[in-house]
N, C-alpha and C. Protein backbone atom coordinates (compact mmCIF):
# COMPACT_ATOMS: atom_id res chain seq x y z
N UNK A 1 -19.97 189.34 -44.07
CA UNK A 1 -19.66 189.82 -45.11
C UNK A 1 -18.40 190.92 -44.84
N UNK A 2 -17.44 190.80 -45.10
CA UNK A 2 -16.10 191.80 -45.08
C UNK A 2 -16.38 193.06 -45.64
N UNK A 3 -16.71 193.65 -46.73
CA UNK A 3 -17.03 194.89 -47.00
C UNK A 3 -18.53 195.10 -46.89
N UNK A 4 -18.47 196.35 -46.36
CA UNK A 4 -20.42 196.78 -46.41
C UNK A 4 -20.36 198.24 -46.97
N UNK A 5 -19.42 198.21 -47.62
CA UNK A 5 -19.52 199.87 -47.89
C UNK A 5 -20.67 199.97 -49.25
N UNK A 6 -21.67 200.39 -49.29
CA UNK A 6 -22.85 201.06 -50.56
C UNK A 6 -22.17 201.20 -51.87
N UNK A 7 -22.39 200.22 -52.63
CA UNK A 7 -21.83 200.02 -54.22
C UNK A 7 -20.65 199.54 -54.23
N UNK A 8 -20.01 198.27 -53.20
CA UNK A 8 -19.04 197.58 -53.41
C UNK A 8 -19.36 195.95 -53.44
N UNK A 9 -18.44 195.36 -53.95
CA UNK A 9 -18.90 194.07 -53.89
C UNK A 9 -18.24 193.60 -52.49
N UNK A 10 -19.16 192.87 -51.64
CA UNK A 10 -18.71 192.82 -50.66
C UNK A 10 -18.42 191.41 -50.32
N UNK A 11 -18.74 190.32 -51.08
CA UNK A 11 -18.74 188.51 -50.72
C UNK A 11 -18.77 188.26 -52.47
N UNK A 12 -18.21 186.68 -52.74
CA UNK A 12 -18.74 186.16 -53.68
C UNK A 12 -19.03 184.80 -52.88
N UNK A 13 -20.04 184.02 -53.66
CA UNK A 13 -20.17 182.62 -53.26
C UNK A 13 -20.44 181.77 -54.39
N UNK A 14 -20.01 180.43 -54.40
CA UNK A 14 -20.66 179.65 -55.15
C UNK A 14 -21.13 178.30 -54.29
N UNK A 15 -22.33 178.11 -55.14
CA UNK A 15 -23.27 177.04 -54.43
C UNK A 15 -23.77 176.18 -55.20
N UNK A 16 -23.58 174.83 -55.17
CA UNK A 16 -23.10 173.39 -55.59
C UNK A 16 -23.88 172.24 -55.24
N UNK A 17 -24.32 171.33 -55.97
CA UNK A 17 -24.45 170.08 -55.37
C UNK A 17 -23.63 169.44 -54.40
N UNK A 18 -22.56 169.61 -55.54
CA UNK A 18 -21.51 168.74 -54.93
C UNK A 18 -20.52 169.09 -54.36
N UNK A 19 -20.57 170.39 -53.05
CA UNK A 19 -19.61 171.15 -52.82
C UNK A 19 -18.24 170.73 -52.48
N UNK A 20 -18.32 169.00 -51.94
CA UNK A 20 -16.87 168.67 -51.27
C UNK A 20 -15.95 168.66 -52.62
N UNK A 21 -16.48 168.07 -53.73
CA UNK A 21 -15.98 167.77 -54.71
C UNK A 21 -15.16 169.09 -55.52
N UNK A 22 -16.24 170.05 -55.32
CA UNK A 22 -15.60 171.57 -56.28
C UNK A 22 -14.67 172.18 -55.32
N UNK A 23 -14.64 171.89 -53.84
CA UNK A 23 -13.95 172.52 -53.15
C UNK A 23 -12.41 171.94 -53.50
N UNK A 24 -12.48 170.60 -53.32
CA UNK A 24 -11.24 170.20 -54.07
C UNK A 24 -10.58 170.52 -55.24
N UNK A 25 -11.50 170.79 -56.21
CA UNK A 25 -10.87 171.19 -57.26
C UNK A 25 -10.36 172.44 -57.00
N UNK A 26 -10.98 173.49 -56.57
CA UNK A 26 -10.52 175.02 -56.28
C UNK A 26 -8.98 174.69 -55.55
N UNK A 27 -8.81 174.03 -54.55
CA UNK A 27 -7.83 173.98 -53.56
C UNK A 27 -6.91 173.55 -54.89
N UNK A 28 -6.74 172.49 -55.47
CA UNK A 28 -5.91 171.97 -56.00
C UNK A 28 -5.52 172.82 -57.28
N UNK A 29 -6.39 173.59 -57.87
CA UNK A 29 -6.23 174.17 -59.10
C UNK A 29 -5.65 175.85 -59.05
N UNK A 30 -5.96 176.29 -57.93
CA UNK A 30 -5.86 177.40 -57.63
C UNK A 30 -4.90 177.74 -56.18
N UNK A 31 -5.02 177.02 -55.44
CA UNK A 31 -3.96 176.99 -54.27
C UNK A 31 -4.52 177.62 -52.88
N UNK A 32 -6.04 178.22 -53.40
CA UNK A 32 -7.22 178.22 -51.96
C UNK A 32 -7.03 177.33 -50.96
N UNK A 33 -7.12 177.79 -50.01
CA UNK A 33 -7.22 176.89 -48.64
C UNK A 33 -9.10 177.38 -48.48
N UNK A 34 -9.31 175.98 -47.48
CA UNK A 34 -10.86 176.40 -47.19
C UNK A 34 -10.68 176.01 -45.30
N UNK A 35 -11.69 176.23 -45.14
CA UNK A 35 -12.51 176.04 -43.55
C UNK A 35 -13.54 176.07 -43.19
N UNK A 36 -13.97 174.81 -42.39
CA UNK A 36 -15.42 174.71 -42.68
C UNK A 36 -16.10 175.56 -41.84
N UNK A 37 -17.74 175.93 -42.33
CA UNK A 37 -18.35 176.43 -41.77
C UNK A 37 -19.79 176.03 -41.30
N UNK A 38 -19.82 175.47 -39.97
CA UNK A 38 -20.81 174.81 -39.78
C UNK A 38 -22.36 175.20 -39.98
N UNK A 39 -22.78 173.99 -40.45
CA UNK A 39 -24.51 174.30 -41.10
C UNK A 39 -25.39 173.26 -40.44
N UNK A 40 -25.11 172.79 -39.40
CA UNK A 40 -25.74 171.91 -38.16
C UNK A 40 -25.17 170.37 -38.59
N UNK A 41 -25.94 169.76 -39.72
CA UNK A 41 -25.45 168.74 -40.09
C UNK A 41 -24.32 168.53 -41.32
N UNK A 42 -24.03 169.59 -41.67
CA UNK A 42 -23.20 169.18 -42.79
C UNK A 42 -22.28 170.62 -42.87
N UNK A 43 -20.93 170.93 -43.66
CA UNK A 43 -20.42 172.27 -43.46
C UNK A 43 -20.20 172.70 -44.89
N UNK A 44 -20.47 173.84 -44.71
CA UNK A 44 -19.85 174.85 -45.89
C UNK A 44 -18.44 175.11 -46.09
N UNK A 45 -18.13 175.58 -46.78
CA UNK A 45 -17.07 175.85 -46.77
C UNK A 45 -16.49 177.65 -46.94
N UNK A 46 -15.32 178.38 -46.28
CA UNK A 46 -14.93 179.33 -46.55
C UNK A 46 -13.74 179.29 -47.18
N UNK A 47 -13.37 179.96 -48.17
CA UNK A 47 -12.13 180.06 -48.94
C UNK A 47 -11.44 181.18 -48.84
N UNK A 48 -9.86 180.81 -48.78
CA UNK A 48 -8.94 181.84 -48.18
C UNK A 48 -7.86 181.66 -48.97
N UNK A 49 -7.14 182.89 -48.82
CA UNK A 49 -5.84 183.00 -49.15
C UNK A 49 -4.89 181.71 -48.42
N UNK A 50 -3.83 180.94 -48.98
CA UNK A 50 -2.78 180.22 -48.32
C UNK A 50 -1.77 180.57 -47.17
N UNK A 51 -1.82 182.37 -47.80
CA UNK A 51 -0.71 182.83 -46.70
C UNK A 51 -1.07 183.29 -45.79
N UNK A 52 -2.26 183.89 -45.79
CA UNK A 52 -2.83 184.44 -44.22
C UNK A 52 -4.00 184.29 -44.03
N UNK A 53 -4.83 183.74 -44.60
CA UNK A 53 -6.38 183.09 -44.22
C UNK A 53 -7.51 184.40 -44.25
N UNK A 54 -7.19 185.29 -45.42
CA UNK A 54 -7.87 186.05 -45.43
C UNK A 54 -9.33 185.52 -46.41
N UNK A 55 -10.50 185.40 -45.60
CA UNK A 55 -11.60 185.10 -46.35
C UNK A 55 -11.83 185.85 -47.64
N UNK A 56 -11.91 184.99 -48.78
CA UNK A 56 -12.21 185.70 -50.30
C UNK A 56 -13.73 185.27 -50.90
N UNK A 57 -14.16 184.19 -50.25
CA UNK A 57 -15.26 183.86 -50.94
C UNK A 57 -15.83 182.47 -50.24
N UNK A 58 -16.94 182.03 -50.25
CA UNK A 58 -17.68 181.03 -49.86
C UNK A 58 -17.76 179.71 -50.72
N UNK A 59 -18.18 178.98 -50.35
CA UNK A 59 -18.06 177.72 -50.88
C UNK A 59 -19.64 176.72 -50.21
N UNK A 60 -20.71 176.76 -51.08
CA UNK A 60 -21.99 176.31 -50.48
C UNK A 60 -22.42 175.05 -51.00
N UNK A 61 -23.32 174.40 -49.87
CA UNK A 61 -23.87 173.13 -50.67
C UNK A 61 -25.30 173.46 -51.32
N UNK A 62 -25.54 173.20 -52.20
CA UNK A 62 -27.13 173.67 -52.89
C UNK A 62 -28.07 172.70 -52.42
N UNK A 63 -28.64 173.09 -50.75
CA UNK A 63 -29.54 172.29 -50.12
C UNK A 63 -30.27 173.51 -48.78
N UNK A 64 -31.41 172.56 -48.22
CA UNK A 64 -31.73 173.91 -47.17
C UNK A 64 -32.31 174.83 -47.90
N UNK A 65 -31.60 176.10 -47.08
CA UNK A 65 -32.20 177.09 -47.80
C UNK A 65 -31.60 177.92 -48.96
N UNK A 66 -30.40 177.16 -49.64
CA UNK A 66 -29.71 177.20 -50.66
C UNK A 66 -30.25 176.47 -51.60
N UNK A 67 -31.18 175.46 -51.68
CA UNK A 67 -31.72 174.81 -52.33
C UNK A 67 -32.22 175.31 -54.10
N UNK A 68 -32.50 176.61 -53.87
CA UNK A 68 -33.07 177.49 -55.00
C UNK A 68 -32.11 178.21 -55.68
N UNK A 69 -30.71 178.13 -55.03
CA UNK A 69 -29.56 179.29 -55.80
C UNK A 69 -29.11 178.30 -56.91
N UNK A 70 -28.98 179.24 -57.73
CA UNK A 70 -28.03 178.82 -59.16
C UNK A 70 -26.54 177.95 -59.12
N UNK A 71 -26.06 177.20 -59.69
CA UNK A 71 -25.00 176.75 -59.60
C UNK A 71 -24.06 177.81 -60.49
N UNK A 72 -23.39 178.93 -59.83
CA UNK A 72 -22.60 179.58 -60.17
C UNK A 72 -22.07 180.31 -59.58
N UNK A 73 -21.15 181.33 -59.71
CA UNK A 73 -20.42 182.49 -59.03
C UNK A 73 -21.19 183.51 -58.71
N UNK A 74 -21.53 183.93 -57.32
CA UNK A 74 -22.37 185.04 -57.40
C UNK A 74 -21.41 186.11 -56.62
N UNK A 75 -21.36 187.48 -57.18
CA UNK A 75 -21.23 188.59 -56.12
C UNK A 75 -22.30 189.01 -55.38
N UNK A 76 -21.71 189.38 -54.48
CA UNK A 76 -23.16 190.34 -53.58
C UNK A 76 -22.41 191.72 -53.34
N UNK A 77 -23.68 192.42 -53.93
CA UNK A 77 -23.42 194.13 -53.94
C UNK A 77 -23.82 194.52 -52.78
N UNK A 78 -23.47 195.17 -52.09
CA UNK A 78 -23.90 195.63 -51.14
C UNK A 78 -24.73 197.33 -51.36
N UNK A 79 -25.63 197.50 -50.92
CA UNK A 79 -26.58 198.55 -51.38
C UNK A 79 -27.38 199.04 -49.81
N UNK A 80 -27.59 200.30 -50.23
CA UNK A 80 -28.59 201.15 -48.97
C UNK A 80 -29.86 200.57 -48.20
N UNK A 81 -30.79 200.28 -48.99
CA UNK A 81 -31.80 200.04 -48.77
C UNK A 81 -32.39 198.47 -49.81
N UNK A 82 -32.22 197.50 -49.32
CA UNK A 82 -32.64 195.95 -49.95
C UNK A 82 -33.73 196.01 -50.23
N UNK A 83 -34.89 196.52 -49.68
CA UNK A 83 -36.31 196.43 -50.24
C UNK A 83 -36.52 197.31 -51.44
N UNK A 84 -35.98 198.63 -51.24
CA UNK A 84 -35.80 199.73 -52.21
C UNK A 84 -35.19 199.10 -53.42
N UNK A 85 -34.07 198.36 -53.28
CA UNK A 85 -33.39 197.74 -54.45
C UNK A 85 -33.81 197.05 -55.19
N UNK A 86 -34.83 195.88 -54.37
CA UNK A 86 -35.46 194.80 -55.04
C UNK A 86 -36.49 195.72 -55.87
N UNK A 87 -37.28 196.48 -55.35
CA UNK A 87 -38.26 197.16 -56.04
C UNK A 87 -38.04 197.85 -57.52
N UNK A 88 -36.77 198.57 -57.37
CA UNK A 88 -36.27 198.89 -58.69
C UNK A 88 -35.80 197.51 -59.54
N UNK A 89 -35.54 196.53 -59.02
CA UNK A 89 -34.89 195.34 -59.90
C UNK A 89 -36.24 194.98 -60.79
N UNK A 90 -37.18 194.74 -60.03
CA UNK A 90 -38.52 194.47 -60.70
C UNK A 90 -39.06 195.01 -61.38
N UNK A 91 -39.19 196.78 -61.10
CA UNK A 91 -39.57 197.61 -61.94
C UNK A 91 -39.00 197.92 -63.51
N UNK A 92 -37.50 197.46 -63.31
CA UNK A 92 -36.78 197.97 -64.42
C UNK A 92 -36.36 196.55 -65.25
N UNK A 93 -37.43 195.36 -65.13
CA UNK A 93 -37.37 194.25 -65.97
C UNK A 93 -36.61 192.90 -65.33
N UNK A 94 -35.92 192.95 -64.46
CA UNK A 94 -35.29 191.94 -63.53
C UNK A 94 -36.29 191.25 -62.79
N UNK A 95 -35.56 190.01 -62.30
CA UNK A 95 -36.47 189.35 -61.28
C UNK A 95 -35.46 188.69 -60.15
N UNK A 96 -36.70 188.70 -59.21
CA UNK A 96 -36.13 187.88 -58.00
C UNK A 96 -35.75 186.70 -57.64
N UNK A 97 -34.91 186.04 -57.60
CA UNK A 97 -34.62 184.35 -57.88
C UNK A 97 -34.63 184.11 -56.46
N UNK A 98 -34.33 184.45 -55.27
CA UNK A 98 -34.30 183.95 -53.80
C UNK A 98 -34.53 185.03 -53.08
N UNK A 99 -35.25 184.83 -51.97
CA UNK A 99 -35.29 185.79 -50.98
C UNK A 99 -36.47 187.04 -51.13
N UNK A 100 -35.98 188.11 -50.18
CA UNK A 100 -34.97 188.40 -49.40
C UNK A 100 -34.89 187.56 -48.24
N UNK A 101 -33.87 187.34 -47.55
CA UNK A 101 -33.65 186.64 -46.42
C UNK A 101 -32.13 187.30 -45.57
N UNK A 102 -32.47 186.57 -44.12
CA UNK A 102 -31.40 187.40 -43.52
C UNK A 102 -30.00 186.72 -43.38
N UNK A 103 -28.93 187.49 -43.00
CA UNK A 103 -27.91 187.10 -43.05
C UNK A 103 -27.25 187.14 -41.87
N UNK A 104 -27.36 186.36 -40.99
CA UNK A 104 -26.80 186.50 -39.50
C UNK A 104 -27.93 187.46 -38.76
N UNK A 105 -27.34 188.19 -37.81
CA UNK A 105 -28.37 189.27 -37.22
C UNK A 105 -27.85 190.22 -38.07
N UNK A 106 -26.94 190.74 -38.50
CA UNK A 106 -26.39 192.08 -39.35
C UNK A 106 -26.88 192.22 -40.59
N UNK A 107 -27.39 191.65 -41.19
CA UNK A 107 -27.56 191.80 -42.71
C UNK A 107 -29.15 191.03 -43.18
N UNK A 108 -29.32 191.42 -44.58
CA UNK A 108 -30.15 190.65 -45.39
C UNK A 108 -29.60 190.62 -46.79
N UNK A 109 -30.08 190.02 -47.69
CA UNK A 109 -29.73 189.56 -48.90
C UNK A 109 -30.92 189.00 -49.58
N UNK A 110 -30.48 189.16 -50.92
CA UNK A 110 -31.73 188.31 -52.13
C UNK A 110 -30.99 187.71 -53.38
N UNK A 111 -31.10 187.05 -54.16
CA UNK A 111 -30.48 186.84 -55.05
C UNK A 111 -31.70 187.38 -56.51
N UNK A 112 -30.96 188.29 -57.24
CA UNK A 112 -31.70 188.56 -58.57
C UNK A 112 -31.10 188.02 -59.83
N UNK A 113 -32.04 188.45 -60.96
CA UNK A 113 -31.43 188.03 -62.30
C UNK A 113 -31.59 189.42 -62.96
N UNK A 114 -30.81 190.08 -63.53
CA UNK A 114 -31.19 191.06 -64.55
C UNK A 114 -31.41 190.98 -65.71
N UNK A 115 -32.18 192.08 -66.31
CA UNK A 115 -32.93 191.63 -67.73
C UNK A 115 -31.94 190.89 -68.71
N UNK A 116 -30.57 191.11 -68.69
CA UNK A 116 -29.79 189.89 -69.51
C UNK A 116 -29.61 188.95 -69.21
N UNK A 117 -30.00 188.64 -68.19
CA UNK A 117 -29.99 187.25 -67.69
C UNK A 117 -28.75 186.55 -66.66
N UNK A 118 -28.02 187.83 -65.94
CA UNK A 118 -26.94 187.76 -65.34
C UNK A 118 -27.72 188.01 -63.75
N UNK A 119 -27.10 186.92 -62.98
CA UNK A 119 -27.58 186.71 -61.92
C UNK A 119 -26.41 187.30 -60.79
N UNK A 120 -26.97 188.02 -59.87
CA UNK A 120 -26.15 188.50 -58.77
C UNK A 120 -26.88 188.51 -57.27
N UNK A 121 -26.01 189.00 -56.07
CA UNK A 121 -26.62 189.33 -54.97
C UNK A 121 -27.22 190.48 -54.54
N UNK A 122 -28.00 191.03 -53.71
CA UNK A 122 -27.87 192.16 -53.39
C UNK A 122 -27.88 191.96 -51.97
N UNK A 123 -27.31 192.89 -50.87
CA UNK A 123 -27.21 192.70 -49.40
C UNK A 123 -27.13 194.21 -48.64
N UNK A 124 -27.59 194.20 -47.68
CA UNK A 124 -27.69 195.69 -46.94
C UNK A 124 -27.64 195.38 -45.42
N UNK A 125 -27.22 195.87 -44.86
CA UNK A 125 -27.05 195.78 -43.20
C UNK A 125 -28.19 196.76 -42.68
N UNK A 126 -28.65 195.69 -41.43
CA UNK A 126 -29.99 196.07 -40.93
C UNK A 126 -29.76 197.20 -39.82
């Protein structure tokens, strides 16, 4: 996650069944470029600007650990304490869609649905 200040949107991901086709769509429609992210037996993709390669979003296959992730753009909001935020989400009528799970060795995240049905992810460093 490039931005990890509490209260900021640190990342954006799109997870879909047909990631290669959708990657081509965004490259052609928006001018974004992509680079592969090795997932073992397949590649997910990092989308970045064409001019300076700043990473701006991820484009992932909906399989493996991402099988339960809904096919929509998801923002990752940085929180101070992931477990406390999950508890508050549930107490306030939200739902836990996926996770929590590790994000590399540096963080944890989960995907939630708010009471209005909007989906987002919560992220915290460990």
